[in-house]
Amino acid sequence: MLDLDMSPYAAFVWPAWGLTVVILGGVAARAVLSARRWKAELKRLEAEAADRPQAVAETAP
């Protein structure tokens, strides 16, 4: 069975685990929010490019 009794070290270990969970949760949340922002930006740029006429490339003789 899992033994979670850390006797004299519990005051150091449990806050460290808690801080780790909070930091990793924040990093994951920031990654998800950034991905949503970049996805929205990509969609906006694609819509903007679709509305704009394509430039005609000049060909040199």
Protein backbone atom coordinates (compact mmCIF):
# COMPACT_ATOMS: atom_id res chain seq x y z
CA MET A 1 0.00 0.00 0.00
CA LEU A 2 1.06 3.61 -0.49
CA ASP A 3 2.77 5.05 2.59
CA LEU A 4 2.39 8.84 2.72
CA ASP A 5 3.74 9.30 6.27
CA MET A 6 6.84 11.48 5.97
CA SER A 7 7.15 12.26 9.67
CA PRO A 8 9.76 15.02 10.13
CA TYR A 9 10.00 15.85 6.42
CA ALA A 10 6.30 16.39 5.74
CA ALA A 11 6.55 20.13 6.43
CA PHE A 12 8.98 20.43 3.52
CA VAL A 13 7.79 17.76 1.11
CA TRP A 14 4.04 18.50 0.95
CA PRO A 15 4.43 22.23 0.25
CA ALA A 16 7.00 21.38 -2.42
CA TRP A 17 4.53 18.98 -4.07
CA GLY A 18 1.78 21.60 -3.80
CA LEU A 19 3.95 24.29 -5.35
CA THR A 20 4.94 21.92 -8.14
CA VAL A 21 1.30 21.14 -8.92
CA VAL A 22 0.41 24.84 -8.98
CA ILE A 23 3.34 25.75 -11.24
CA LEU A 24 2.78 22.87 -13.67
CA GLY A 25 -0.94 23.67 -13.75
CA GLY A 26 -0.12 27.28 -14.59
CA VAL A 27 2.29 26.26 -17.34
CA ALA A 28 -0.31 23.92 -18.85
CA ALA A 29 -3.05 26.57 -18.66
CA ARG A 30 -0.78 29.16 -20.28
CA ALA A 31 0.07 26.73 -23.10
CA VAL A 32 -3.63 26.05 -23.76
CA LEU A 33 -4.49 29.76 -23.76
CA SER A 34 -1.57 30.58 -26.05
CA ALA A 35 -2.60 27.82 -28.45
CA ARG A 36 -6.13 29.23 -28.57
CA ARG A 37 -4.80 32.73 -29.25
CA TRP A 38 -2.48 31.54 -32.02
CA LYS A 39 -5.27 29.49 -33.57
CA ALA A 40 -7.55 32.55 -33.60
CA GLU A 41 -4.74 34.67 -35.07
CA LEU A 42 -4.13 32.09 -37.80
CA LYS A 43 -7.82 32.02 -38.64
CA ARG A 44 -7.87 35.85 -38.81
CA LEU A 45 -4.81 35.97 -41.07
CA GLU A 46 -6.22 33.28 -43.37
CA ALA A 47 -9.51 35.18 -43.67
CA GLU A 48 -7.62 38.40 -44.35
CA ALA A 49 -5.54 36.69 -47.05
CA ALA A 50 -8.66 35.21 -48.67
CA ASP A 51 -10.25 38.67 -48.91
CA ARG A 52 -7.17 40.24 -50.49
CA PRO A 53 -6.59 39.74 -54.24
CA GLN A 54 -3.45 37.85 -55.13
CA ALA A 55 -0.59 39.91 -56.54
CA VAL A 56 0.37 39.06 -60.09
CA ALA A 57 3.98 38.04 -60.30
CA GLU A 58 5.93 39.81 -63.03
CA THR A 59 7.85 37.52 -65.30
CA ALA A 60 11.13 38.70 -66.79
CA PRO A 61 11.62 37.99 -70.49
